[in-house]
Amino acid sequence: MGTPDFVLELRRHVGHALLWMTATSAVVVRDRAHRPPPMPSPDDAAATPGTPGPRREVLLVRRADNGRWTPVTGIVDPGEQVADAAVREVLEETGVRARAVRLVRLHTLEPITYANGDVAQYVDATFRCEWVAGEPYPADGENTEARWFDLDELPEMGEEMRVRIDAALTPERPARFTGGDAPAPHRGSPGEDAPGPH
């Protein structure tokens, strides 16, 4: 699916002006337990004593517009729960069924100017998602490829996308976010020494 209808309708009214929108990224991971593991080499056995844990892989898509590999991303529809948007986008773009398990990052991106002159700025909610069923394929026109990658064999991608993947793979509970420091007090605000009647 391309540009959502509600965005096209807004563009009829505001033209190329900046639109503020909510986006979501789905970092879908799964164990490779259902696939035959690679044959270990003698060096691997010597370097890693004991039984290794399951190998993990992440679902990535290659965007049709710029050829870059990314997790599945998309725009949240009006009134849609953000986590629902994440798993909807995964199904629409790759044919994979996934479930969102954790919000891992909330981040405001810099404004983007598209080739047609439209300007948009997104707040992105990144979710760690777990694979449920299905094998990936480019299910709509937004991507040319969709496939699993071992975590230690990720393709070249932009720094922002690597940050999203890292946030999803880090075993921590709280979501990451940018900002949130206490603002500087305003002159005359409660708790401040301000001139005035005593």
N, C-alpha and C. Protein backbone atom coordinates (compact mmCIF):
# COMPACT_ATOMS: atom_id res chain seq x y z
N MET A 1 0.85 -1.18 0.00
CA MET A 1 0.00 0.00 0.00
C MET A 1 0.89 1.24 0.00
N GLY A 2 0.53 2.23 -0.84
CA GLY A 2 1.33 3.44 -0.91
C GLY A 2 0.90 4.45 0.12
N THR A 3 0.83 5.71 -0.30
CA THR A 3 0.45 6.78 0.62
C THR A 3 -1.00 6.58 1.09
N PRO A 4 -1.24 6.62 2.40
CA PRO A 4 -2.61 6.42 2.90
C PRO A 4 -3.57 7.48 2.36
N ASP A 5 -4.83 7.09 2.21
CA ASP A 5 -5.84 8.02 1.67
C ASP A 5 -5.97 9.27 2.52
N PHE A 6 -5.86 9.12 3.86
CA PHE A 6 -6.04 10.31 4.70
C PHE A 6 -4.94 11.33 4.47
N VAL A 7 -3.73 10.87 4.12
CA VAL A 7 -2.64 11.80 3.83
C VAL A 7 -2.90 12.51 2.50
N LEU A 8 -3.37 11.77 1.50
CA LEU A 8 -3.69 12.39 0.21
C LEU A 8 -4.78 13.45 0.38
N GLU A 9 -5.77 13.15 1.23
CA GLU A 9 -6.84 14.13 1.48
C GLU A 9 -6.28 15.38 2.18
N LEU A 10 -5.42 15.19 3.16
CA LEU A 10 -4.80 16.33 3.83
C LEU A 10 -3.99 17.16 2.85
N ARG A 11 -3.28 16.51 1.96
CA ARG A 11 -2.45 17.23 0.98
C ARG A 11 -3.30 18.10 0.06
N ARG A 12 -4.54 17.71 -0.20
CA ARG A 12 -5.43 18.53 -1.01
C ARG A 12 -5.66 19.88 -0.35
N HIS A 13 -5.60 19.92 0.97
CA HIS A 13 -5.89 21.15 1.71
C HIS A 13 -4.63 21.94 2.05
N VAL A 14 -3.53 21.25 2.34
CA VAL A 14 -2.32 21.96 2.81
C VAL A 14 -1.21 21.99 1.79
N GLY A 15 -1.40 21.34 0.67
CA GLY A 15 -0.36 21.34 -0.35
C GLY A 15 0.89 20.63 0.15
N HIS A 16 2.05 21.27 -0.08
CA HIS A 16 3.33 20.67 0.32
C HIS A 16 3.74 21.01 1.75
N ALA A 17 2.90 21.74 2.48
CA ALA A 17 3.26 22.19 3.83
C ALA A 17 3.58 21.01 4.75
N LEU A 18 4.32 21.31 5.80
CA LEU A 18 4.73 20.29 6.75
C LEU A 18 3.52 19.58 7.36
N LEU A 19 3.53 18.25 7.29
CA LEU A 19 2.54 17.42 7.98
C LEU A 19 3.24 16.70 9.12
N TRP A 20 2.63 16.72 10.28
CA TRP A 20 3.13 16.01 11.46
C TRP A 20 2.36 14.69 11.55
N MET A 21 3.08 13.56 11.51
CA MET A 21 2.39 12.26 11.46
C MET A 21 3.04 11.26 12.41
N THR A 22 2.23 10.29 12.80
CA THR A 22 2.71 9.19 13.64
C THR A 22 3.10 8.02 12.75
N ALA A 23 4.29 7.50 12.99
CA ALA A 23 4.79 6.36 12.23
C ALA A 23 5.13 5.23 13.19
N THR A 24 5.31 4.06 12.63
CA THR A 24 5.70 2.92 13.45
C THR A 24 6.73 2.08 12.72
N SER A 25 7.62 1.47 13.48
CA SER A 25 8.60 0.53 12.94
C SER A 25 8.43 -0.79 13.68
N ALA A 26 8.44 -1.88 12.92
CA ALA A 26 8.28 -3.21 13.50
C ALA A 26 9.57 -3.99 13.29
N VAL A 27 10.29 -4.26 14.38
CA VAL A 27 11.50 -5.09 14.30
C VAL A 27 11.05 -6.50 14.67
N VAL A 28 10.84 -7.33 13.65
CA VAL A 28 10.32 -8.68 13.84
C VAL A 28 11.49 -9.65 13.97
N VAL A 29 11.51 -10.41 15.06
CA VAL A 29 12.58 -11.38 15.29
C VAL A 29 11.98 -12.77 15.49
N ARG A 30 12.80 -13.78 15.22
CA ARG A 30 12.39 -15.16 15.47
C ARG A 30 13.62 -16.01 15.69
N ASP A 31 13.42 -17.15 16.35
CA ASP A 31 14.46 -18.16 16.49
C ASP A 31 14.59 -18.91 15.18
N ARG A 32 15.78 -19.42 14.94
CA ARG A 32 15.96 -20.25 13.76
C ARG A 32 15.82 -21.73 14.12
N ALA A 33 15.18 -22.03 15.23
CA ALA A 33 15.08 -23.41 15.71
C ALA A 33 14.40 -24.33 14.70
N HIS A 34 13.48 -23.76 13.90
CA HIS A 34 12.75 -24.58 12.95
C HIS A 34 13.53 -24.82 11.67
N ARG A 35 14.71 -24.20 11.54
CA ARG A 35 15.56 -24.41 10.36
C ARG A 35 16.79 -25.19 10.76
N PRO A 36 17.33 -25.99 9.86
CA PRO A 36 18.55 -26.74 10.21
C PRO A 36 19.69 -25.79 10.53
N PRO A 37 20.35 -25.96 11.68
CA PRO A 37 21.47 -25.08 12.01
C PRO A 37 22.67 -25.40 11.13
N PRO A 38 23.55 -24.43 10.90
CA PRO A 38 24.76 -24.71 10.12
C PRO A 38 25.67 -25.65 10.89
N MET A 39 26.43 -26.42 10.13
CA MET A 39 27.36 -27.36 10.76
C MET A 39 28.45 -26.57 11.47
N PRO A 40 28.68 -26.84 12.77
CA PRO A 40 29.73 -26.11 13.49
C PRO A 40 31.11 -26.57 13.03
N SER A 41 32.04 -25.64 13.06
CA SER A 41 33.43 -25.99 12.74
C SER A 41 34.15 -26.32 14.04
N PRO A 42 35.28 -27.00 13.97
CA PRO A 42 36.05 -27.27 15.19
C PRO A 42 36.43 -26.00 15.94
N ASP A 43 36.70 -24.93 15.21
CA ASP A 43 37.04 -23.66 15.85
C ASP A 43 35.86 -23.14 16.67
N ASP A 44 34.62 -23.27 16.13
CA ASP A 44 33.44 -22.83 16.87
C ASP A 44 33.29 -23.59 18.17
N ALA A 45 33.52 -24.89 18.13
CA ALA A 45 33.37 -25.71 19.33
C ALA A 45 34.38 -25.32 20.39
N ALA A 46 35.59 -24.99 19.95
CA ALA A 46 36.64 -24.62 20.90
C ALA A 46 36.37 -23.24 21.50
N ALA A 47 35.78 -22.37 20.68
CA ALA A 47 35.59 -20.99 21.14
C ALA A 47 34.35 -20.83 22.02
N THR A 48 33.36 -21.70 21.84
CA THR A 48 32.12 -21.55 22.58
C THR A 48 31.77 -22.85 23.28
N PRO A 49 32.32 -23.05 24.48
CA PRO A 49 32.00 -24.28 25.21
C PRO A 49 30.54 -24.29 25.63
N GLY A 50 29.99 -25.49 25.79
CA GLY A 50 28.60 -25.61 26.21
C GLY A 50 27.65 -25.57 25.02
N THR A 51 26.38 -25.57 25.30
CA THR A 51 25.36 -25.55 24.25
C THR A 51 24.95 -24.13 23.95
N PRO A 52 25.11 -23.70 22.71
CA PRO A 52 24.72 -22.32 22.38
C PRO A 52 23.21 -22.17 22.39
N GLY A 53 22.76 -20.92 22.61
CA GLY A 53 21.33 -20.64 22.57
C GLY A 53 20.85 -20.62 21.13
N PRO A 54 19.55 -20.49 20.93
CA PRO A 54 19.02 -20.49 19.57
C PRO A 54 19.51 -19.28 18.79
N ARG A 55 19.75 -19.49 17.52
CA ARG A 55 20.15 -18.38 16.66
C ARG A 55 18.92 -17.53 16.39
N ARG A 56 19.12 -16.22 16.33
CA ARG A 56 18.01 -15.29 16.10
C ARG A 56 18.20 -14.63 14.74
N GLU A 57 17.09 -14.26 14.14
CA GLU A 57 17.13 -13.53 12.88
C GLU A 57 16.06 -12.46 12.88
N VAL A 58 16.26 -11.46 12.02
CA VAL A 58 15.37 -10.30 11.98
C VAL A 58 14.84 -10.14 10.57
N LEU A 59 13.60 -9.71 10.47
CA LEU A 59 12.94 -9.49 9.18
C LEU A 59 13.24 -8.09 8.67
N LEU A 60 13.75 -8.02 7.44
CA LEU A 60 14.05 -6.73 6.81
C LEU A 60 13.43 -6.68 5.43
N VAL A 61 13.17 -5.47 4.96
CA VAL A 61 12.66 -5.26 3.61
C VAL A 61 13.59 -4.29 2.89
N ARG A 62 13.65 -4.46 1.54
CA ARG A 62 14.42 -3.51 0.72
C ARG A 62 13.42 -2.57 0.05
N ARG A 63 13.51 -1.30 0.41
CA ARG A 63 12.55 -0.30 -0.07
C ARG A 63 12.65 -0.11 -1.59
N ALA A 64 11.49 0.02 -2.23
CA ALA A 64 11.47 0.22 -3.67
C ALA A 64 11.91 1.63 -4.05
N ASP A 65 11.71 2.62 -3.16
CA ASP A 65 12.01 4.01 -3.52
C ASP A 65 13.49 4.35 -3.45
N ASN A 66 14.24 3.70 -2.56
CA ASN A 66 15.66 4.06 -2.44
C ASN A 66 16.60 2.85 -2.35
N GLY A 67 16.07 1.63 -2.38
CA GLY A 67 16.91 0.44 -2.37
C GLY A 67 17.53 0.09 -1.04
N ARG A 68 17.14 0.79 0.04
CA ARG A 68 17.76 0.55 1.35
C ARG A 68 17.03 -0.53 2.12
N TRP A 69 17.79 -1.29 2.92
CA TRP A 69 17.22 -2.29 3.80
C TRP A 69 16.78 -1.62 5.10
N THR A 70 15.58 -1.97 5.57
CA THR A 70 15.05 -1.41 6.81
C THR A 70 14.16 -2.46 7.48
N PRO A 71 13.86 -2.28 8.77
CA PRO A 71 12.73 -3.01 9.33
C PRO A 71 11.46 -2.52 8.62
N VAL A 72 10.34 -3.19 8.85
CA VAL A 72 9.07 -2.74 8.28
C VAL A 72 8.67 -1.44 8.97
N THR A 73 8.31 -0.44 8.18
CA THR A 73 7.88 0.85 8.71
C THR A 73 6.58 1.26 8.04
N GLY A 74 5.86 2.18 8.66
CA GLY A 74 4.63 2.66 8.05
C GLY A 74 3.98 3.76 8.85
N ILE A 75 2.91 4.29 8.29
CA ILE A 75 2.16 5.39 8.90
C ILE A 75 0.96 4.83 9.65
N VAL A 76 0.70 5.37 10.82
CA VAL A 76 -0.45 4.96 11.63
C VAL A 76 -1.69 5.67 11.10
N ASP A 77 -2.75 4.89 10.87
CA ASP A 77 -4.01 5.47 10.40
C ASP A 77 -4.69 6.23 11.54
N PRO A 78 -5.53 7.23 11.23
CA PRO A 78 -6.25 7.95 12.28
C PRO A 78 -7.08 6.99 13.14
N GLY A 79 -6.95 7.11 14.45
CA GLY A 79 -7.71 6.29 15.37
C GLY A 79 -7.17 4.89 15.59
N GLU A 80 -6.12 4.52 14.87
CA GLU A 80 -5.56 3.17 14.99
C GLU A 80 -4.58 3.09 16.16
N GLN A 81 -4.64 2.00 16.91
CA GLN A 81 -3.63 1.78 17.94
C GLN A 81 -2.28 1.59 17.26
N VAL A 82 -1.25 2.19 17.82
CA VAL A 82 0.07 2.18 17.17
C VAL A 82 0.61 0.75 17.04
N ALA A 83 0.43 -0.08 18.07
CA ALA A 83 0.90 -1.47 17.99
C ALA A 83 0.16 -2.24 16.91
N ASP A 84 -1.14 -1.96 16.75
CA ASP A 84 -1.90 -2.61 15.68
C ASP A 84 -1.36 -2.20 14.32
N ALA A 85 -0.98 -0.93 14.19
CA ALA A 85 -0.42 -0.45 12.93
C ALA A 85 0.88 -1.19 12.61
N ALA A 86 1.70 -1.44 13.62
CA ALA A 86 2.97 -2.14 13.40
C ALA A 86 2.74 -3.52 12.81
N VAL A 87 1.85 -4.30 13.41
CA VAL A 87 1.64 -5.67 12.91
C VAL A 87 0.86 -5.66 11.59
N ARG A 88 -0.01 -4.67 11.39
CA ARG A 88 -0.69 -4.54 10.09
C ARG A 88 0.30 -4.29 8.98
N GLU A 89 1.24 -3.38 9.22
CA GLU A 89 2.24 -3.07 8.20
C GLU A 89 3.10 -4.30 7.86
N VAL A 90 3.44 -5.10 8.88
CA VAL A 90 4.22 -6.31 8.63
C VAL A 90 3.46 -7.24 7.70
N LEU A 91 2.18 -7.44 7.96
CA LEU A 91 1.38 -8.33 7.12
C LEU A 91 1.22 -7.77 5.71
N GLU A 92 0.91 -6.47 5.61
CA GLU A 92 0.71 -5.86 4.29
C GLU A 92 1.97 -5.87 3.45
N GLU A 93 3.12 -5.63 4.07
CA GLU A 93 4.35 -5.49 3.31
C GLU A 93 5.09 -6.80 3.07
N THR A 94 4.90 -7.78 3.95
CA THR A 94 5.70 -9.01 3.84
C THR A 94 4.91 -10.30 3.86
N GLY A 95 3.61 -10.25 4.17
CA GLY A 95 2.84 -11.47 4.28
C GLY A 95 3.08 -12.25 5.56
N VAL A 96 3.88 -11.71 6.46
CA VAL A 96 4.21 -12.38 7.73
C VAL A 96 3.24 -11.93 8.81
N ARG A 97 2.79 -12.89 9.62
CA ARG A 97 1.98 -12.56 10.79
C ARG A 97 2.91 -12.44 11.99
N ALA A 98 2.77 -11.31 12.70
CA ALA A 98 3.62 -11.05 13.87
C ALA A 98 2.76 -10.45 14.96
N ARG A 99 3.31 -10.45 16.18
CA ARG A 99 2.62 -9.78 17.29
C ARG A 99 3.61 -8.84 17.96
N ALA A 100 3.11 -7.68 18.35
CA ALA A 100 3.95 -6.70 19.04
C ALA A 100 4.08 -7.12 20.50
N VAL A 101 5.32 -7.15 21.00
CA VAL A 101 5.54 -7.57 22.38
C VAL A 101 6.08 -6.47 23.28
N ARG A 102 6.67 -5.42 22.68
CA ARG A 102 7.26 -4.39 23.53
C ARG A 102 7.51 -3.12 22.74
N LEU A 103 7.09 -1.98 23.29
CA LEU A 103 7.49 -0.69 22.74
C LEU A 103 8.91 -0.43 23.20
N VAL A 104 9.83 -0.21 22.25
CA VAL A 104 11.24 -0.11 22.62
C VAL A 104 11.82 1.28 22.42
N ARG A 105 11.16 2.11 21.61
CA ARG A 105 11.76 3.43 21.33
C ARG A 105 10.69 4.36 20.79
N LEU A 106 10.73 5.61 21.25
CA LEU A 106 9.87 6.67 20.74
C LEU A 106 10.79 7.82 20.37
N HIS A 107 10.70 8.27 19.11
CA HIS A 107 11.70 9.23 18.64
C HIS A 107 11.11 10.12 17.55
N THR A 108 11.36 11.42 17.66
CA THR A 108 10.93 12.36 16.63
C THR A 108 12.04 12.50 15.59
N LEU A 109 11.69 12.27 14.33
CA LEU A 109 12.64 12.35 13.23
C LEU A 109 12.74 13.78 12.72
N GLU A 110 13.81 14.06 12.02
CA GLU A 110 13.96 15.37 11.39
C GLU A 110 12.94 15.48 10.24
N PRO A 111 12.53 16.70 9.88
CA PRO A 111 11.62 16.85 8.74
C PRO A 111 12.23 16.27 7.46
N ILE A 112 11.37 15.70 6.63
CA ILE A 112 11.78 15.08 5.37
C ILE A 112 11.08 15.82 4.24
N THR A 113 11.83 16.18 3.20
CA THR A 113 11.25 16.75 1.99
C THR A 113 11.33 15.70 0.90
N TYR A 114 10.17 15.29 0.39
CA TYR A 114 10.11 14.26 -0.65
C TYR A 114 10.36 14.87 -2.02
N ALA A 115 10.59 14.00 -2.99
CA ALA A 115 10.92 14.46 -4.34
C ALA A 115 9.83 15.34 -4.95
N ASN A 116 8.58 15.11 -4.56
CA ASN A 116 7.48 15.92 -5.11
C ASN A 116 7.29 17.24 -4.37
N GLY A 117 8.13 17.50 -3.36
CA GLY A 117 8.05 18.75 -2.60
C GLY A 117 7.28 18.65 -1.30
N ASP A 118 6.59 17.54 -1.05
CA ASP A 118 5.87 17.36 0.21
C ASP A 118 6.86 17.31 1.37
N VAL A 119 6.48 17.95 2.48
CA VAL A 119 7.32 17.95 3.68
C VAL A 119 6.55 17.25 4.80
N ALA A 120 7.23 16.35 5.49
CA ALA A 120 6.60 15.63 6.59
C ALA A 120 7.60 15.46 7.72
N GLN A 121 7.07 15.33 8.91
CA GLN A 121 7.88 15.01 10.08
C GLN A 121 7.13 13.96 10.87
N TYR A 122 7.88 12.96 11.35
CA TYR A 122 7.25 11.81 12.00
C TYR A 122 7.75 11.64 13.42
N VAL A 123 6.84 11.20 14.29
CA VAL A 123 7.25 10.63 15.56
C VAL A 123 7.12 9.13 15.35
N ASP A 124 8.22 8.40 15.51
CA ASP A 124 8.24 6.96 15.24
C ASP A 124 8.19 6.17 16.54
N ALA A 125 7.27 5.21 16.60
CA ALA A 125 7.18 4.27 17.71
C ALA A 125 7.70 2.93 17.22
N THR A 126 8.84 2.50 17.77
CA THR A 126 9.45 1.24 17.34
C THR A 126 9.05 0.13 18.30
N PHE A 127 8.56 -0.97 17.73
CA PHE A 127 8.15 -2.13 18.51
C PHE A 127 9.03 -3.33 18.21
N ARG A 128 9.32 -4.08 19.26
CA ARG A 128 9.87 -5.43 19.06
C ARG A 128 8.66 -6.33 18.82
N CYS A 129 8.72 -7.07 17.73
CA CYS A 129 7.64 -7.98 17.38
C CYS A 129 8.19 -9.40 17.27
N GLU A 130 7.36 -10.36 17.59
CA GLU A 130 7.73 -11.77 17.46
C GLU A 130 6.99 -12.38 16.28
N TRP A 131 7.71 -13.18 15.51
CA TRP A 131 7.13 -13.89 14.38
C TRP A 131 6.08 -14.88 14.87
N VAL A 132 4.96 -14.94 14.15
CA VAL A 132 3.91 -15.91 14.45
C VAL A 132 3.82 -16.96 13.35
N ALA A 133 3.74 -16.51 12.09
CA ALA A 133 3.61 -17.45 10.98
C ALA A 133 3.92 -16.73 9.67
N GLY A 134 4.25 -17.53 8.67
CA GLY A 134 4.45 -17.01 7.32
C GLY A 134 5.90 -16.78 6.98
N GLU A 135 6.20 -16.90 5.68
CA GLU A 135 7.52 -16.59 5.16
C GLU A 135 7.43 -15.30 4.34
N PRO A 136 8.43 -14.45 4.45
CA PRO A 136 8.31 -13.12 3.84
C PRO A 136 8.46 -13.11 2.32
N TYR A 137 7.75 -12.19 1.73
CA TYR A 137 7.88 -11.88 0.31
C TYR A 137 7.42 -10.44 0.14
N PRO A 138 7.82 -9.74 -0.93
CA PRO A 138 7.38 -8.35 -1.10
C PRO A 138 5.90 -8.32 -1.49
N ALA A 139 5.03 -8.15 -0.50
CA ALA A 139 3.59 -8.32 -0.69
C ALA A 139 2.90 -7.11 -1.30
N ASP A 140 3.55 -5.97 -1.33
CA ASP A 140 2.95 -4.80 -1.98
C ASP A 140 4.05 -4.08 -2.77
N GLY A 141 3.73 -2.96 -3.32
CA GLY A 141 4.69 -2.28 -4.17
C GLY A 141 5.72 -1.44 -3.45
N GLU A 142 5.70 -1.46 -2.11
CA GLU A 142 6.61 -0.60 -1.37
C GLU A 142 8.03 -1.16 -1.29
N ASN A 143 8.18 -2.48 -1.48
CA ASN A 143 9.49 -3.12 -1.32
C ASN A 143 9.75 -4.07 -2.48
N THR A 144 11.03 -4.26 -2.76
CA THR A 144 11.42 -5.19 -3.82
C THR A 144 11.87 -6.54 -3.26
N GLU A 145 12.23 -6.57 -1.96
CA GLU A 145 12.63 -7.82 -1.32
C GLU A 145 12.16 -7.80 0.13
N ALA A 146 11.96 -8.98 0.68
CA ALA A 146 11.63 -9.14 2.10
C ALA A 146 12.22 -10.48 2.52
N ARG A 147 13.09 -10.46 3.54
CA ARG A 147 13.74 -11.70 3.94
C ARG A 147 14.28 -11.61 5.36
N TRP A 148 14.64 -12.79 5.90
CA TRP A 148 15.24 -12.89 7.22
C TRP A 148 16.75 -12.75 7.10
N PHE A 149 17.34 -12.09 8.10
CA PHE A 149 18.79 -11.97 8.20
C PHE A 149 19.24 -12.43 9.57
N ASP A 150 20.32 -13.22 9.62
CA ASP A 150 20.94 -13.51 10.91
C ASP A 150 21.38 -12.20 11.53
N LEU A 151 21.32 -12.12 12.84
CA LEU A 151 21.65 -10.87 13.52
C LEU A 151 23.10 -10.47 13.32
N ASP A 152 23.98 -11.45 13.09
CA ASP A 152 25.39 -11.11 12.88
C ASP A 152 25.73 -10.96 11.40
N GLU A 153 24.71 -10.95 10.54
CA GLU A 153 24.95 -10.79 9.09
C GLU A 153 23.98 -9.78 8.49
N LEU A 154 23.74 -8.68 9.20
CA LEU A 154 22.82 -7.67 8.70
C LEU A 154 23.42 -6.94 7.50
N PRO A 155 22.60 -6.56 6.54
CA PRO A 155 23.11 -5.82 5.38
C PRO A 155 23.43 -4.38 5.76
N GLU A 156 24.06 -3.68 4.85
CA GLU A 156 24.35 -2.26 5.07
C GLU A 156 23.03 -1.50 5.15
N MET A 157 22.93 -0.63 6.14
CA MET A 157 21.72 0.18 6.28
C MET A 157 22.06 1.47 7.02
N GLY A 158 21.13 2.39 7.01
CA GLY A 158 21.35 3.67 7.67
C GLY A 158 21.45 3.54 9.18
N GLU A 159 22.12 4.50 9.78
CA GLU A 159 22.35 4.48 11.23
C GLU A 159 21.05 4.49 12.01
N GLU A 160 20.07 5.27 11.57
CA GLU A 160 18.79 5.34 12.29
C GLU A 160 18.11 3.97 12.35
N MET A 161 18.17 3.21 11.26
CA MET A 161 17.54 1.89 11.25
C MET A 161 18.29 0.92 12.16
N ARG A 162 19.60 1.05 12.22
CA ARG A 162 20.38 0.20 13.14
C ARG A 162 20.04 0.51 14.59
N VAL A 163 19.81 1.79 14.89
CA VAL A 163 19.43 2.18 16.25
C VAL A 163 18.09 1.53 16.62
N ARG A 164 17.15 1.50 15.69
CA ARG A 164 15.85 0.89 15.96
C ARG A 164 16.00 -0.62 16.22
N ILE A 165 16.82 -1.27 15.41
CA ILE A 165 17.03 -2.71 15.61
C ILE A 165 17.72 -2.96 16.94
N ASP A 166 18.74 -2.16 17.25
CA ASP A 166 19.46 -2.32 18.52
C ASP A 166 18.52 -2.14 19.71
N ALA A 167 17.63 -1.16 19.63
CA ALA A 167 16.68 -0.93 20.72
C ALA A 167 15.77 -2.14 20.92
N ALA A 168 15.38 -2.77 19.81
CA ALA A 168 14.49 -3.92 19.91
C ALA A 168 15.19 -5.15 20.44
N LEU A 169 16.49 -5.25 20.21
CA LEU A 169 17.22 -6.45 20.62
C LEU A 169 17.82 -6.35 22.01
N THR A 170 17.87 -5.15 22.56
CA THR A 170 18.43 -4.97 23.89
C THR A 170 17.46 -5.52 24.93
N PRO A 171 17.94 -6.40 25.82
CA PRO A 171 17.04 -7.01 26.81
C PRO A 171 16.75 -6.08 27.98
N GLU A 172 16.03 -5.02 27.69
CA GLU A 172 15.65 -4.08 28.74
C GLU A 172 14.16 -3.84 28.63
N ARG A 173 13.52 -3.52 29.72
CA ARG A 173 12.09 -3.33 29.71
C ARG A 173 11.64 -1.92 29.32
N PRO A 174 12.21 -0.85 29.89
CA PRO A 174 11.68 0.48 29.56
C PRO A 174 11.95 0.85 28.11
N ALA A 175 11.03 1.58 27.50
CA ALA A 175 11.24 2.08 26.15
C ALA A 175 12.27 3.20 26.18
N ARG A 176 13.02 3.33 25.11
CA ARG A 176 13.98 4.43 24.98
C ARG A 176 13.28 5.63 24.37
N PHE A 177 13.71 6.81 24.72
CA PHE A 177 13.16 8.00 24.11
C PHE A 177 14.21 9.10 24.17
N THR A 178 14.00 10.11 23.35
CA THR A 178 14.91 11.24 23.28
C THR A 178 14.27 12.42 23.98
N GLY A 179 15.07 13.19 24.72
CA GLY A 179 14.54 14.37 25.40
C GLY A 179 13.98 14.00 26.76
N GLY A 180 13.14 14.87 27.29
CA GLY A 180 12.49 14.61 28.56
C GLY A 180 13.17 15.22 29.77
N ASP A 181 14.24 15.99 29.54
CA ASP A 181 14.87 16.68 30.67
C ASP A 181 13.91 17.75 31.19
N ALA A 182 14.02 18.04 32.47
CA ALA A 182 13.16 19.09 33.05
C ALA A 182 13.48 20.42 32.38
N PRO A 183 12.43 21.13 31.94
CA PRO A 183 12.68 22.43 31.32
C PRO A 183 13.21 23.43 32.34
N ALA A 184 13.93 24.39 31.83
CA ALA A 184 14.42 25.44 32.71
C ALA A 184 13.23 26.20 33.28
N PRO A 185 13.27 26.54 34.56
CA PRO A 185 12.13 27.27 35.15
C PRO A 185 12.01 28.65 34.53
N HIS A 186 10.77 29.07 34.41
CA HIS A 186 10.51 30.41 33.90
C HIS A 186 10.56 31.39 35.06
N ARG A 187 10.97 32.56 34.79
CA ARG A 187 11.03 33.58 35.82
C ARG A 187 9.63 33.80 36.39
N GLY A 188 9.53 33.69 37.69
CA GLY A 188 8.24 33.89 38.33
C GLY A 188 7.42 32.63 38.49
N SER A 189 7.96 31.48 38.05
CA SER A 189 7.21 30.24 38.22
C SER A 189 7.32 29.77 39.66
N PRO A 190 6.41 28.91 40.11
CA PRO A 190 6.45 28.46 41.50
C PRO A 190 7.81 27.89 41.87
N GLY A 191 8.28 28.24 43.04
CA GLY A 191 9.57 27.73 43.49
C GLY A 191 10.73 28.63 43.12
N GLU A 192 10.46 29.62 42.32
CA GLU A 192 11.52 30.52 41.93
C GLU A 192 11.45 31.81 42.75
N ASP A 193 12.60 32.37 43.04
CA ASP A 193 12.62 33.67 43.69
C ASP A 193 12.30 34.72 42.62
N ALA A 194 11.15 35.31 42.74
CA ALA A 194 10.73 36.29 41.74
C ALA A 194 10.27 37.55 42.46
N PRO A 195 10.53 38.67 41.84
CA PRO A 195 10.06 39.91 42.45
C PRO A 195 8.54 39.95 42.42
N GLY A 196 7.97 40.62 43.36
CA GLY A 196 6.52 40.74 43.40
C GLY A 196 6.08 41.13 44.80
N PRO A 197 4.79 41.27 44.99
CA PRO A 197 4.30 41.68 46.32
C PRO A 197 4.59 40.61 47.37
N HIS A 198 4.94 41.03 48.57
CA HIS A 198 5.22 40.09 49.67
C HIS A 198 4.25 40.32 50.80
